[in-house]
């Protein structure tokens, strides 16, 4: 460890619109030393998530914003290289909030041990990680799908959306995905088993949704917000449930967030729209992980990761999320 260098991406300024080069600083220092009850982790993979854009903004949210000058917050998976806690040994692999850096110190109680032999490391940041928990609880607890109902998912080819659709199919639902591009739409139908897909880049979403869901939408899992949310609101079935997971179409807006103009459909259709934050379900993560792991083992759930390489590419890779350029769970590989 004497020759090791800890490269880090720190937030230098609050972004306006899409983050730009000047919003970051790339720093280097010696790896930190773990104190009592802590472990030092060599970060191997970072999870790049839409929520990271919100963490960069000042203001009240479900977690405090990343401070100016602080290492950018990021979930990661890595290998323990030093431990000051008997519950975790050197060589163990763990998942936790590690930040955009090569080495991270974590409290042992905040580092979750994983078994790499059960699934590739990137998968622990995807369907077996936070996106998987988000899909599981957002659909089943908030959306509450019933057999025979029609479920619509935006961002359907992404880490969360793809799993939402697969779980909905397991629960006996008819599933329609909304995604950007013919390849992504083909993927959710042919590989993930969705019943239909709408290419928002090439189709009239309103017209296609009416054709694919003529009796209305019973459950809508929203990852994008904006115009697509309004379009789905116009096609709700009576008693519909909408799970608000995110609004990636709005995260970089310089003109303020566009709210739903069609919200009276909630009243007319006796529908419910509810936001949720996955951290509220932390006490039940093991339940979700068990179910998802069984589905993967049985071949009922598929996972897809989009892996980029190199910590130095963190800012550019993050932007792929907001340009619709990622295909599956976006992960950044830092080391073997």
C-alpha atoms as a PDB file:
ATOM      1  CA  UNK A   1       0.000   0.000   0.000  1.00  0.00           C
ATOM      2  CA  UNK A   2       2.990   2.312   0.353  1.00  0.00           C
ATOM      3  CA  UNK A   3       3.034   3.023  -3.393  1.00  0.00           C
ATOM      4  CA  UNK A   4      -0.730   3.155  -3.866  1.00  0.00           C
ATOM      5  CA  UNK A   5      -2.431   6.368  -5.000  1.00  0.00           C
ATOM      6  CA  UNK A   6      -6.051   7.235  -4.353  1.00  0.00           C
ATOM      7  CA  UNK A   7      -7.419   9.121  -7.357  1.00  0.00           C
ATOM      8  CA  UNK A   8     -10.703  10.896  -6.658  1.00  0.00           C
ATOM      9  CA  UNK A   9     -13.391  12.883  -8.457  1.00  0.00           C
ATOM     10  CA  UNK A  10     -14.589  15.759  -6.284  1.00  0.00           C
ATOM     11  CA  UNK A  11     -17.504  18.103  -6.888  1.00  0.00           C
ATOM     12  CA  UNK A  12     -16.086  21.541  -7.706  1.00  0.00           C
ATOM     13  CA  UNK A  13     -19.314  23.445  -8.523  1.00  0.00           C
ATOM     14  CA  UNK A  14     -23.080  22.961  -8.583  1.00  0.00           C
ATOM     15  CA  UNK A  15     -23.994  22.041 -12.183  1.00  0.00           C
ATOM     16  CA  UNK A  16     -26.453  24.079 -14.195  1.00  0.00           C
ATOM     17  CA  UNK A  17     -28.006  21.699 -16.692  1.00  0.00           C
ATOM     18  CA  UNK A  18     -25.758  18.820 -17.694  1.00  0.00           C
ATOM     19  CA  UNK A  19     -22.595  18.573 -15.583  1.00  0.00           C
ATOM     20  CA  UNK A  20     -19.541  19.925 -17.396  1.00  0.00           C
ATOM     21  CA  UNK A  21     -15.803  19.511 -16.974  1.00  0.00           C
ATOM     22  CA  UNK A  22     -15.439  22.565 -14.734  1.00  0.00           C
ATOM     23  CA  UNK A  23     -17.937  21.093 -12.246  1.00  0.00           C
ATOM     24  CA  UNK A  24     -15.333  18.480 -11.256  1.00  0.00           C
ATOM     25  CA  UNK A  25     -11.817  18.305  -9.907  1.00  0.00           C
ATOM     26  CA  UNK A  26      -9.606  15.218 -10.232  1.00  0.00           C
ATOM     27  CA  UNK A  27      -7.356  14.835  -7.203  1.00  0.00           C
ATOM     28  CA  UNK A  28      -4.772  12.377  -5.901  1.00  0.00           C
ATOM     29  CA  UNK A  29      -3.682  11.501  -2.385  1.00  0.00           C
ATOM     30  CA  UNK A  30      -2.497   8.548  -0.321  1.00  0.00           C
ATOM     31  CA  UNK A  31      -5.143   5.928   0.494  1.00  0.00           C
ATOM     32  CA  UNK A  32      -6.883   6.580   3.832  1.00  0.00           C
ATOM     33  CA  UNK A  33      -6.157   4.512   6.924  1.00  0.00           C
ATOM     34  CA  UNK A  34      -9.095   2.653   8.490  1.00  0.00           C
ATOM     35  CA  UNK A  35      -9.835   3.340  12.139  1.00  0.00           C
ATOM     36  CA  UNK A  36     -11.472   1.055  14.712  1.00  0.00           C
ATOM     37  CA  UNK A  37     -14.540  -0.684  13.283  1.00  0.00           C
ATOM     38  CA  UNK A  38     -13.608   0.336   9.728  1.00  0.00           C
ATOM     39  CA  UNK A  39     -12.302  -1.337   6.590  1.00  0.00           C
ATOM     40  CA  UNK A  40     -10.279  -0.062   3.638  1.00  0.00           C
ATOM     41  CA  UNK A  41     -11.677  -1.144   0.279  1.00  0.00           C
ATOM     42  CA  UNK A  42     -10.058  -1.179  -3.142  1.00  0.00           C
ATOM     43  CA  UNK A  43     -12.960  -0.060  -5.305  1.00  0.00           C
ATOM     44  CA  UNK A  44     -13.397  -2.345  -8.318  1.00  0.00           C
ATOM     45  CA  UNK A  45     -16.673  -1.166  -9.862  1.00  0.00           C
ATOM     46  CA  UNK A  46     -18.800   1.947  -9.411  1.00  0.00           C
ATOM     47  CA  UNK A  47     -22.533   2.180  -9.980  1.00  0.00           C
ATOM     48  CA  UNK A  48     -23.585   5.161 -12.102  1.00  0.00           C
ATOM     49  CA  UNK A  49     -27.180   6.111 -11.372  1.00  0.00           C
ATOM     50  CA  UNK A  50     -29.577   8.893 -12.401  1.00  0.00           C
ATOM     51  CA  UNK A  51     -30.002   9.835  -8.728  1.00  0.00           C
ATOM     52  CA  UNK A  52     -26.415  11.087  -8.703  1.00  0.00           C
ATOM     53  CA  UNK A  53     -27.495  14.183 -10.611  1.00  0.00           C
ATOM     54  CA  UNK A  54     -29.878  15.122  -7.802  1.00  0.00           C
ATOM     55  CA  UNK A  55     -27.177  14.567  -5.190  1.00  0.00           C
ATOM     56  CA  UNK A  56     -25.144  17.308  -6.875  1.00  0.00           C
ATOM     57  CA  UNK A  57     -27.825  19.966  -6.303  1.00  0.00           C
ATOM     58  CA  UNK A  58     -28.121  22.185  -3.254  1.00  0.00           C
ATOM     59  CA  UNK A  59     -31.381  21.940  -1.362  1.00  0.00           C
ATOM     60  CA  UNK A  60     -33.540  19.600   0.677  1.00  0.00           C
ATOM     61  CA  UNK A  61     -33.862  16.032  -0.547  1.00  0.00           C
ATOM     62  CA  UNK A  62     -33.994  12.514   0.861  1.00  0.00           C
ATOM     63  CA  UNK A  63     -30.207  12.639   1.416  1.00  0.00           C
ATOM     64  CA  UNK A  64     -27.922  15.655   1.965  1.00  0.00           C
ATOM     65  CA  UNK A  65     -26.296  17.028  -1.183  1.00  0.00           C
ATOM     66  CA  UNK A  66     -22.678  16.227  -1.962  1.00  0.00           C
ATOM     67  CA  UNK A  67     -20.667  19.137  -0.593  1.00  0.00           C
ATOM     68  CA  UNK A  68     -18.422  21.276  -2.757  1.00  0.00           C
ATOM     69  CA  UNK A  69     -14.958  19.753  -2.539  1.00  0.00           C
ATOM     70  CA  UNK A  70     -16.256  16.358  -1.411  1.00  0.00           C
ATOM     71  CA  UNK A  71     -15.682  13.084  -3.224  1.00  0.00           C
ATOM     72  CA  UNK A  72     -18.673  12.357  -5.435  1.00  0.00           C
ATOM     73  CA  UNK A  73     -21.058   9.954  -3.753  1.00  0.00           C
ATOM     74  CA  UNK A  74     -21.397   6.602  -5.515  1.00  0.00           C
ATOM     75  CA  UNK A  75     -22.264   3.046  -4.683  1.00  0.00           C
ATOM     76  CA  UNK A  76     -19.500   0.578  -5.372  1.00  0.00           C
ATOM     77  CA  UNK A  77     -18.275  -2.961  -4.999  1.00  0.00           C
ATOM     78  CA  UNK A  78     -14.725  -3.734  -3.999  1.00  0.00           C
ATOM     79  CA  UNK A  79     -12.221  -5.930  -2.187  1.00  0.00           C
ATOM     80  CA  UNK A  80     -11.186  -5.334   1.427  1.00  0.00           C
ATOM     81  CA  UNK A  81      -7.435  -4.639   1.632  1.00  0.00           C
ATOM     82  CA  UNK A  82      -7.252  -3.703   5.336  1.00  0.00           C
ATOM     83  CA  UNK A  83      -9.654  -4.356   8.200  1.00  0.00           C
ATOM     84  CA  UNK A  84     -10.002  -3.129  11.751  1.00  0.00           C
ATOM     85  CA  UNK A  85     -13.177  -5.073  12.443  1.00  0.00           C
ATOM     86  CA  UNK A  86     -13.474  -8.801  13.159  1.00  0.00           C
ATOM     87  CA  UNK A  87     -16.671  -9.162  11.131  1.00  0.00           C
ATOM     88  CA  UNK A  88     -14.927  -8.492   7.800  1.00  0.00           C
ATOM     89  CA  UNK A  89     -11.641 -10.026   6.673  1.00  0.00           C
ATOM     90  CA  UNK A  90      -9.019  -8.881   4.209  1.00  0.00           C
ATOM     91  CA  UNK A  91      -9.956 -10.379   0.841  1.00  0.00           C
ATOM     92  CA  UNK A  92     -13.705 -10.168   1.427  1.00  0.00           C
ATOM     93  CA  UNK A  93     -15.781  -8.448  -1.250  1.00  0.00           C
ATOM     94  CA  UNK A  94     -18.258  -5.817  -0.101  1.00  0.00           C
ATOM     95  CA  UNK A  95     -20.845  -3.397  -1.445  1.00  0.00           C
ATOM     96  CA  UNK A  96     -21.386   0.078  -0.008  1.00  0.00           C
ATOM     97  CA  UNK A  97     -21.219   3.824  -0.529  1.00  0.00           C
ATOM     98  CA  UNK A  98     -17.627   4.159  -1.665  1.00  0.00           C
ATOM     99  CA  UNK A  99     -17.523   7.293  -3.774  1.00  0.00           C
ATOM    100  CA  UNK A 100     -15.820   8.011  -7.086  1.00  0.00           C
ATOM    101  CA  UNK A 101     -12.319   7.035  -5.987  1.00  0.00           C
ATOM    102  CA  UNK A 102      -9.855   4.148  -6.009  1.00  0.00           C
ATOM    103  CA  UNK A 103      -9.870   3.484  -2.250  1.00  0.00           C
ATOM    104  CA  UNK A 104     -12.594   4.021   0.323  1.00  0.00           C
ATOM    105  CA  UNK A 105     -12.866   3.670   4.091  1.00  0.00           C
ATOM    106  CA  UNK A 106     -16.198   2.262   5.236  1.00  0.00           C
ATOM    107  CA  UNK A 107     -17.623   1.479   8.631  1.00  0.00           C
ATOM    108  CA  UNK A 108     -17.807  -2.303   8.777  1.00  0.00           C
ATOM    109  CA  UNK A 109     -21.512  -2.103   9.646  1.00  0.00           C
ATOM    110  CA  UNK A 110     -22.117  -0.146   6.413  1.00  0.00           C
ATOM    111  CA  UNK A 111     -20.230  -2.607   4.201  1.00  0.00           C
ATOM    112  CA  UNK A 112     -22.331  -5.516   2.983  1.00  0.00           C
ATOM    113  CA  UNK A 113     -20.374  -8.685   2.307  1.00  0.00           C
ATOM    114  CA  UNK A 114     -21.140 -10.442  -0.978  1.00  0.00           C
ATOM    115  CA  UNK A 115     -20.134 -13.730  -2.559  1.00  0.00           C
ATOM    116  CA  UNK A 116     -18.575 -13.174  -6.029  1.00  0.00           C
ATOM    117  CA  UNK A 117     -18.995 -16.851  -6.916  1.00  0.00           C
ATOM    118  CA  UNK A 118     -22.781 -16.411  -6.954  1.00  0.00           C
ATOM    119  CA  UNK A 119     -22.858 -13.602  -9.550  1.00  0.00           C
ATOM    120  CA  UNK A 120     -20.424 -11.324 -11.413  1.00  0.00           C
ATOM    121  CA  UNK A 121     -19.408  -8.249  -9.441  1.00  0.00           C
ATOM    122  CA  UNK A 122     -21.308  -5.766 -11.676  1.00  0.00           C
ATOM    123  CA  UNK A 123     -24.521  -7.716 -11.058  1.00  0.00           C
ATOM    124  CA  UNK A 124     -24.251  -6.848  -7.349  1.00  0.00           C
ATOM    125  CA  UNK A 125     -24.659  -3.204  -8.425  1.00  0.00           C
ATOM    126  CA  UNK A 126     -27.562  -4.067 -10.735  1.00  0.00           C
ATOM    127  CA  UNK A 127     -30.378  -6.546 -10.211  1.00  0.00           C
ATOM    128  CA  UNK A 128     -28.834  -7.736  -6.921  1.00  0.00           C
ATOM    129  CA  UNK A 129     -28.073  -4.172  -5.834  1.00  0.00           C
ATOM    130  CA  UNK A 130     -29.904  -0.888  -5.438  1.00  0.00           C
ATOM    131  CA  UNK A 131     -31.635  -0.986  -8.860  1.00  0.00           C
ATOM    132  CA  UNK A 132     -32.964  -4.432  -8.016  1.00  0.00           C
ATOM    133  CA  UNK A 133     -34.270  -3.273  -4.645  1.00  0.00           C
ATOM    134  CA  UNK A 134     -35.842  -0.249  -6.328  1.00  0.00           C
ATOM    135  CA  UNK A 135     -37.634  -2.323  -8.934  1.00  0.00           C
ATOM    136  CA  UNK A 136     -38.819  -4.927  -6.432  1.00  0.00           C
ATOM    137  CA  UNK A 137     -40.308  -2.627  -3.811  1.00  0.00           C
ATOM    138  CA  UNK A 138     -41.450   0.087  -6.195  1.00  0.00           C
ATOM    139  CA  UNK A 139     -43.467  -2.356  -8.240  1.00  0.00           C
ATOM    140  CA  UNK A 140     -44.695  -4.785  -5.603  1.00  0.00           C
ATOM    141  CA  UNK A 141     -45.262  -2.446  -2.637  1.00  0.00           C
ATOM    142  CA  UNK A 142     -46.222   0.754  -4.420  1.00  0.00           C
ATOM    143  CA  UNK A 143     -47.611  -0.487  -7.745  1.00  0.00           C
ATOM    144  CA  UNK A 144     -49.282  -3.579  -6.261  1.00  0.00           C
ATOM    145  CA  UNK A 145     -49.831  -5.371  -9.591  1.00  0.00           C
ATOM    146  CA  UNK A 146     -52.510  -8.048  -9.904  1.00  0.00           C
ATOM    147  CA  UNK A 147     -52.622 -10.940 -12.391  1.00  0.00           C
ATOM    148  CA  UNK A 148     -54.135  -9.887 -15.704  1.00  0.00           C
ATOM    149  CA  UNK A 149     -53.440  -6.178 -15.235  1.00  0.00           C
ATOM    150  CA  UNK A 150     -51.546  -4.013 -17.711  1.00  0.00           C
ATOM    151  CA  UNK A 151     -48.258  -2.615 -16.425  1.00  0.00           C
ATOM    152  CA  UNK A 152     -46.378   0.118 -18.292  1.00  0.00           C
ATOM    153  CA  UNK A 153     -42.731   0.899 -17.561  1.00  0.00           C
ATOM    154  CA  UNK A 154     -40.735   3.871 -18.839  1.00  0.00           C
ATOM    155  CA  UNK A 155     -36.974   3.614 -19.090  1.00  0.00           C
ATOM    156  CA  UNK A 156     -37.768  -0.028 -19.822  1.00  0.00           C
ATOM    157  CA  UNK A 157     -34.287  -1.028 -21.039  1.00  0.00           C
ATOM    158  CA  UNK A 158     -32.562   0.458 -18.005  1.00  0.00           C
ATOM    159  CA  UNK A 159     -31.412  -1.263 -14.846  1.00  0.00           C
ATOM    160  CA  UNK A 160     -34.619  -0.607 -12.897  1.00  0.00           C
ATOM    161  CA  UNK A 161     -37.148  -0.648 -15.725  1.00  0.00           C
ATOM    162  CA  UNK A 162     -35.981  -3.925 -17.206  1.00  0.00           C
ATOM    163  CA  UNK A 163     -36.375  -5.722 -13.886  1.00  0.00           C
ATOM    164  CA  UNK A 164     -39.730  -4.086 -13.160  1.00  0.00           C
ATOM    165  CA  UNK A 165     -41.104  -5.530 -16.377  1.00  0.00           C
ATOM    166  CA  UNK A 166     -39.728  -8.990 -15.699  1.00  0.00           C
ATOM    167  CA  UNK A 167     -41.166  -9.078 -12.178  1.00  0.00           C
ATOM    168  CA  UNK A 168     -44.531  -7.883 -13.495  1.00  0.00           C
ATOM    169  CA  UNK A 169     -44.535 -10.768 -15.978  1.00  0.00           C
ATOM    170  CA  UNK A 170     -43.762 -13.190 -13.143  1.00  0.00           C
ATOM    171  CA  UNK A 171     -46.812 -11.806 -11.351  1.00  0.00           C
ATOM    172  CA  UNK A 172     -49.057 -12.582 -14.320  1.00  0.00           C
ATOM    173  CA  UNK A 173     -49.322  -9.098 -15.812  1.00  0.00           C
ATOM    174  CA  UNK A 174     -49.277  -7.818 -19.377  1.00  0.00           C
ATOM    175  CA  UNK A 175     -46.249  -5.538 -19.703  1.00  0.00           C
ATOM    176  CA  UNK A 176     -45.524  -2.662 -22.072  1.00  0.00           C
ATOM    177  CA  UNK A 177     -42.160  -0.929 -22.071  1.00  0.00           C
ATOM    178  CA  UNK A 178     -41.277   2.576 -23.228  1.00  0.00           C
ATOM    179  CA  UNK A 179     -37.663   2.963 -24.357  1.00  0.00           C
ATOM    180  CA  UNK A 180     -35.515   4.994 -26.728  1.00  0.00           C
ATOM    181  CA  UNK A 181     -34.470   3.267 -29.940  1.00  0.00           C
ATOM    182  CA  UNK A 182     -35.352   0.167 -31.924  1.00  0.00           C
ATOM    183  CA  UNK A 183     -32.576  -1.937 -30.366  1.00  0.00           C
ATOM    184  CA  UNK A 184     -33.761  -1.253 -26.838  1.00  0.00           C
ATOM    185  CA  UNK A 185     -37.385  -1.951 -27.731  1.00  0.00           C
ATOM    186  CA  UNK A 186     -36.417  -5.195 -29.421  1.00  0.00           C
ATOM    187  CA  UNK A 187     -34.381  -6.173 -26.346  1.00  0.00           C
ATOM    188  CA  UNK A 188     -37.215  -5.699 -23.840  1.00  0.00           C
ATOM    189  CA  UNK A 189     -39.600  -7.750 -25.972  1.00  0.00           C
ATOM    190  CA  UNK A 190     -37.340 -10.498 -27.322  1.00  0.00           C
ATOM    191  CA  UNK A 191     -34.928 -10.894 -24.384  1.00  0.00           C
ATOM    192  CA  UNK A 192     -36.882  -9.738 -21.336  1.00  0.00           C
ATOM    193  CA  UNK A 193     -40.295 -11.032 -22.399  1.00  0.00           C
ATOM    194  CA  UNK A 194     -42.307  -7.796 -22.426  1.00  0.00           C
ATOM    195  CA  UNK A 195     -45.570  -8.021 -24.377  1.00  0.00           C
ATOM    196  CA  UNK A 196     -44.910  -4.825 -26.294  1.00  0.00           C
ATOM    197  CA  UNK A 197     -42.622  -1.807 -26.528  1.00  0.00           C
ATOM    198  CA  UNK A 198     -42.926   1.804 -27.626  1.00  0.00           C
ATOM    199  CA  UNK A 199     -39.979   3.696 -29.109  1.00  0.00           C
ATOM    200  CA  UNK A 200     -40.485   7.220 -27.820  1.00  0.00           C
ATOM    201  CA  UNK A 201     -37.852   8.500 -30.249  1.00  0.00           C
ATOM    202  CA  UNK A 202     -39.660   7.238 -33.338  1.00  0.00           C
ATOM    203  CA  UNK A 203     -43.321   6.706 -32.419  1.00  0.00           C
ATOM    204  CA  UNK A 204     -46.317   8.735 -31.350  1.00  0.00           C
ATOM    205  CA  UNK A 205     -46.350   7.493 -27.753  1.00  0.00           C
ATOM    206  CA  UNK A 206     -49.967   8.456 -27.146  1.00  0.00           C
ATOM    207  CA  UNK A 207     -51.200   6.624 -30.239  1.00  0.00           C
ATOM    208  CA  UNK A 208     -49.080   3.527 -29.601  1.00  0.00           C
ATOM    209  CA  UNK A 209     -50.103   3.371 -25.949  1.00  0.00           C
ATOM    210  CA  UNK A 210     -53.776   3.458 -26.869  1.00  0.00           C
ATOM    211  CA  UNK A 211     -53.216   0.583 -29.290  1.00  0.00           C
ATOM    212  CA  UNK A 212     -51.229  -1.529 -26.831  1.00  0.00           C
ATOM    213  CA  UNK A 213     -53.356  -0.751 -23.756  1.00  0.00           C
ATOM    214  CA  UNK A 214     -56.885  -0.296 -25.126  1.00  0.00           C
ATOM    215  CA  UNK A 215     -58.462  -0.995 -21.727  1.00  0.00           C
ATOM    216  CA  UNK A 216     -56.142   1.420 -19.942  1.00  0.00           C
ATOM    217  CA  UNK A 217     -53.019   1.251 -17.799  1.00  0.00           C
ATOM    218  CA  UNK A 218     -53.438  -0.348 -14.374  1.00  0.00           C
ATOM    219  CA  UNK A 219     -49.890   0.220 -13.105  1.00  0.00           C
ATOM    220  CA  UNK A 220     -47.367   2.739 -14.382  1.00  0.00           C
ATOM    221  CA  UNK A 221     -43.778   2.642 -13.137  1.00  0.00           C
ATOM    222  CA  UNK A 222     -42.335   6.049 -13.983  1.00  0.00           C
ATOM    223  CA  UNK A 223     -38.609   6.570 -14.406  1.00  0.00           C
ATOM    224  CA  UNK A 224     -38.679   9.604 -16.700  1.00  0.00           C
ATOM    225  CA  UNK A 225     -41.418  12.125 -15.837  1.00  0.00           C
ATOM    226  CA  UNK A 226     -42.192  14.971 -18.232  1.00  0.00           C
ATOM    227  CA  UNK A 227     -44.271  14.465 -21.361  1.00  0.00           C
ATOM    228  CA  UNK A 228     -44.348  10.679 -21.115  1.00  0.00           C
ATOM    229  CA  UNK A 229     -45.863  10.842 -17.634  1.00  0.00           C
ATOM    230  CA  UNK A 230     -48.588  13.140 -18.977  1.00  0.00           C
ATOM    231  CA  UNK A 231     -49.219  10.761 -21.869  1.00  0.00           C
ATOM    232  CA  UNK A 232     -49.666   7.754 -19.600  1.00  0.00           C
ATOM    233  CA  UNK A 233     -51.896   9.724 -17.248  1.00  0.00           C
ATOM    234  CA  UNK A 234     -54.304  10.158 -20.164  1.00  0.00           C
ATOM    235  CA  UNK A 235     -54.598   6.377 -20.573  1.00  0.00           C
ATOM    236  CA  UNK A 236     -55.189   5.262 -16.984  1.00  0.00           C
ATOM    237  CA  UNK A 237     -57.652   2.553 -16.052  1.00  0.00           C
ATOM    238  CA  UNK A 238     -59.933   3.052 -13.069  1.00  0.00           C
ATOM    239  CA  UNK A 239     -58.082   2.445  -9.824  1.00  0.00           C
ATOM    240  CA  UNK A 240     -54.653   2.726 -11.459  1.00  0.00           C
ATOM    241  CA  UNK A 241     -51.485   3.025  -9.392  1.00  0.00           C
ATOM    242  CA  UNK A 242     -48.490   5.095 -10.452  1.00  0.00           C
ATOM    243  CA  UNK A 243     -45.110   4.565  -8.796  1.00  0.00           C
ATOM    244  CA  UNK A 244     -42.876   7.626  -9.131  1.00  0.00           C
ATOM    245  CA  UNK A 245     -39.326   6.295  -9.106  1.00  0.00           C
ATOM    246  CA  UNK A 246     -37.547   9.096 -10.949  1.00  0.00           C
ATOM    247  CA  UNK A 247     -37.774  11.791 -13.600  1.00  0.00           C
ATOM    248  CA  UNK A 248     -34.582  11.592 -15.614  1.00  0.00           C
ATOM    249  CA  UNK A 249     -36.034  13.777 -18.368  1.00  0.00           C
ATOM    250  CA  UNK A 250     -36.125  16.656 -15.875  1.00  0.00           C
ATOM    251  CA  UNK A 251     -32.885  16.323 -13.920  1.00  0.00           C
ATOM    252  CA  UNK A 252     -30.846  18.659 -16.100  1.00  0.00           C
ATOM    253  CA  UNK A 253     -33.583  21.151 -16.902  1.00  0.00           C
ATOM    254  CA  UNK A 254     -32.544  24.793 -16.587  1.00  0.00           C
ATOM    255  CA  UNK A 255     -36.165  25.965 -16.660  1.00  0.00           C
ATOM    256  CA  UNK A 256     -37.504  24.103 -13.658  1.00  0.00           C
ATOM    257  CA  UNK A 257     -39.163  20.722 -13.380  1.00  0.00           C
ATOM    258  CA  UNK A 258     -42.193  20.181 -15.588  1.00  0.00           C
ATOM    259  CA  UNK A 259     -44.965  18.778 -13.432  1.00  0.00           C
ATOM    260  CA  UNK A 260     -47.927  16.692 -14.632  1.00  0.00           C
ATOM    261  CA  UNK A 261     -50.437  18.815 -16.512  1.00  0.00           C
ATOM    262  CA  UNK A 262     -52.810  15.877 -16.821  1.00  0.00           C
ATOM    263  CA  UNK A 263     -53.154  15.172 -13.104  1.00  0.00           C
ATOM    264  CA  UNK A 264     -56.971  15.442 -13.115  1.00  0.00           C
ATOM    265  CA  UNK A 265     -56.941  11.981 -14.639  1.00  0.00           C
ATOM    266  CA  UNK A 266     -56.080  10.768 -11.133  1.00  0.00           C
ATOM    267  CA  UNK A 267     -59.391  12.126  -9.889  1.00  0.00           C
ATOM    268  CA  UNK A 268     -61.493  10.897 -12.807  1.00  0.00           C
ATOM    269  CA  UNK A 269     -60.011   7.393 -12.647  1.00  0.00           C
ATOM    270  CA  UNK A 270     -59.784   7.181  -8.831  1.00  0.00           C
ATOM    271  CA  UNK A 271     -56.092   6.579  -9.329  1.00  0.00           C
ATOM    272  CA  UNK A 272     -53.129   6.940  -6.990  1.00  0.00           C
ATOM    273  CA  UNK A 273     -49.698   8.410  -7.700  1.00  0.00           C
ATOM    274  CA  UNK A 274     -47.033   7.777  -5.058  1.00  0.00           C
ATOM    275  CA  UNK A 275     -43.363   8.575  -4.844  1.00  0.00           C
ATOM    276  CA  UNK A 276     -40.964   6.297  -3.031  1.00  0.00           C
ATOM    277  CA  UNK A 277     -37.322   6.138  -1.976  1.00  0.00           C
ATOM    278  CA  UNK A 278     -35.673   2.738  -1.924  1.00  0.00           C
ATOM    279  CA  UNK A 279     -33.727   3.492   1.279  1.00  0.00           C
ATOM    280  CA  UNK A 280     -37.031   3.337   3.174  1.00  0.00           C
ATOM    281  CA  UNK A 281     -37.076  -0.413   2.524  1.00  0.00           C
ATOM    282  CA  UNK A 282     -33.567  -1.106   3.835  1.00  0.00           C
ATOM    283  CA  UNK A 283     -34.811  -3.442   6.560  1.00  0.00           C
ATOM    284  CA  UNK A 284     -36.320  -5.678   3.855  1.00  0.00           C
ATOM    285  CA  UNK A 285     -33.466  -5.752   1.327  1.00  0.00           C
ATOM    286  CA  UNK A 286     -32.647  -9.369   2.209  1.00  0.00           C
ATOM    287  CA  UNK A 287     -36.195 -10.384   1.275  1.00  0.00           C
ATOM    288  CA  UNK A 288     -35.860  -8.833  -2.178  1.00  0.00           C
ATOM    289  CA  UNK A 289     -32.356 -10.194  -2.734  1.00  0.00           C
ATOM    290  CA  UNK A 290     -33.513 -13.736  -1.927  1.00  0.00           C
ATOM    291  CA  UNK A 291     -36.408 -13.583  -4.388  1.00  0.00           C
ATOM    292  CA  UNK A 292     -34.346 -12.012  -7.160  1.00  0.00           C
ATOM    293  CA  UNK A 293     -31.490 -14.488  -6.682  1.00  0.00           C
ATOM    294  CA  UNK A 294     -33.946 -17.393  -6.988  1.00  0.00           C
ATOM    295  CA  UNK A 295     -35.448 -15.912 -10.157  1.00  0.00           C
ATOM    296  CA  UNK A 296     -31.984 -15.511 -11.663  1.00  0.00           C
ATOM    297  CA  UNK A 297     -31.040 -19.102 -10.750  1.00  0.00           C
ATOM    298  CA  UNK A 298     -34.263 -20.368 -12.319  1.00  0.00           C
ATOM    299  CA  UNK A 299     -33.635 -18.373 -15.494  1.00  0.00           C
ATOM    300  CA  UNK A 300     -36.736 -16.231 -14.945  1.00  0.00           C
ATOM    301  CA  UNK A 301     -34.840 -12.935 -14.668  1.00  0.00           C
ATOM    302  CA  UNK A 302     -32.078 -11.666 -16.922  1.00  0.00           C
ATOM    303  CA  UNK A 303     -29.561  -8.949 -16.159  1.00  0.00           C
ATOM    304  CA  UNK A 304     -27.657  -6.673 -18.528  1.00  0.00           C
ATOM    305  CA  UNK A 305     -24.767  -4.420 -17.553  1.00  0.00           C
ATOM    306  CA  UNK A 306     -23.202  -1.662 -19.648  1.00  0.00           C
ATOM    307  CA  UNK A 307     -19.607  -1.590 -18.407  1.00  0.00           C
ATOM    308  CA  UNK A 308     -17.275   1.334 -19.105  1.00  0.00           C
ATOM    309  CA  UNK A 309     -13.630   1.306 -18.016  1.00  0.00           C
ATOM    310  CA  UNK A 310     -11.414   3.747 -16.132  1.00  0.00           C
ATOM    311  CA  UNK A 311     -11.986   6.108 -13.217  1.00  0.00           C
ATOM    312  CA  UNK A 312     -10.615   8.916 -15.383  1.00  0.00           C
ATOM    313  CA  UNK A 313     -13.713   8.504 -17.573  1.00  0.00           C
ATOM    314  CA  UNK A 314     -16.211   8.983 -14.732  1.00  0.00           C
ATOM    315  CA  UNK A 315     -17.642  12.412 -15.777  1.00  0.00           C
ATOM    316  CA  UNK A 316     -18.119  11.451 -19.423  1.00  0.00           C
ATOM    317  CA  UNK A 317     -19.568   8.045 -18.552  1.00  0.00           C
ATOM    318  CA  UNK A 318     -22.063   9.598 -16.130  1.00  0.00           C
ATOM    319  CA  UNK A 319     -23.422  11.747 -18.957  1.00  0.00           C
ATOM    320  CA  UNK A 320     -24.405   8.623 -20.906  1.00  0.00           C
ATOM    321  CA  UNK A 321     -27.325   8.231 -18.498  1.00  0.00           C
ATOM    322  CA  UNK A 322     -28.822  11.580 -19.443  1.00  0.00           C
ATOM    323  CA  UNK A 323     -28.258  11.165 -23.168  1.00  0.00           C
ATOM    324  CA  UNK A 324     -29.906   7.753 -23.282  1.00  0.00           C
ATOM    325  CA  UNK A 325     -26.660   6.158 -24.426  1.00  0.00           C
ATOM    326  CA  UNK A 326     -26.441   3.373 -21.836  1.00  0.00           C
ATOM    327  CA  UNK A 327     -27.956  -0.022 -22.551  1.00  0.00           C
ATOM    328  CA  UNK A 328     -28.622  -1.796 -19.257  1.00  0.00           C
ATOM    329  CA  UNK A 329     -27.130  -1.041 -15.846  1.00  0.00           C
ATOM    330  CA  UNK A 330     -24.323   1.491 -16.261  1.00  0.00           C
ATOM    331  CA  UNK A 331     -21.197   0.470 -14.341  1.00  0.00           C
ATOM    332  CA  UNK A 332     -17.680   1.864 -14.338  1.00  0.00           C
ATOM    333  CA  UNK A 333     -14.829  -0.626 -13.919  1.00  0.00           C
ATOM    334  CA  UNK A 334     -11.857   0.723 -11.955  1.00  0.00           C
ATOM    335  CA  UNK A 335      -9.717  -2.394 -11.474  1.00  0.00           C
ATOM    336  CA  UNK A 336      -9.699  -6.200 -11.739  1.00  0.00           C
END
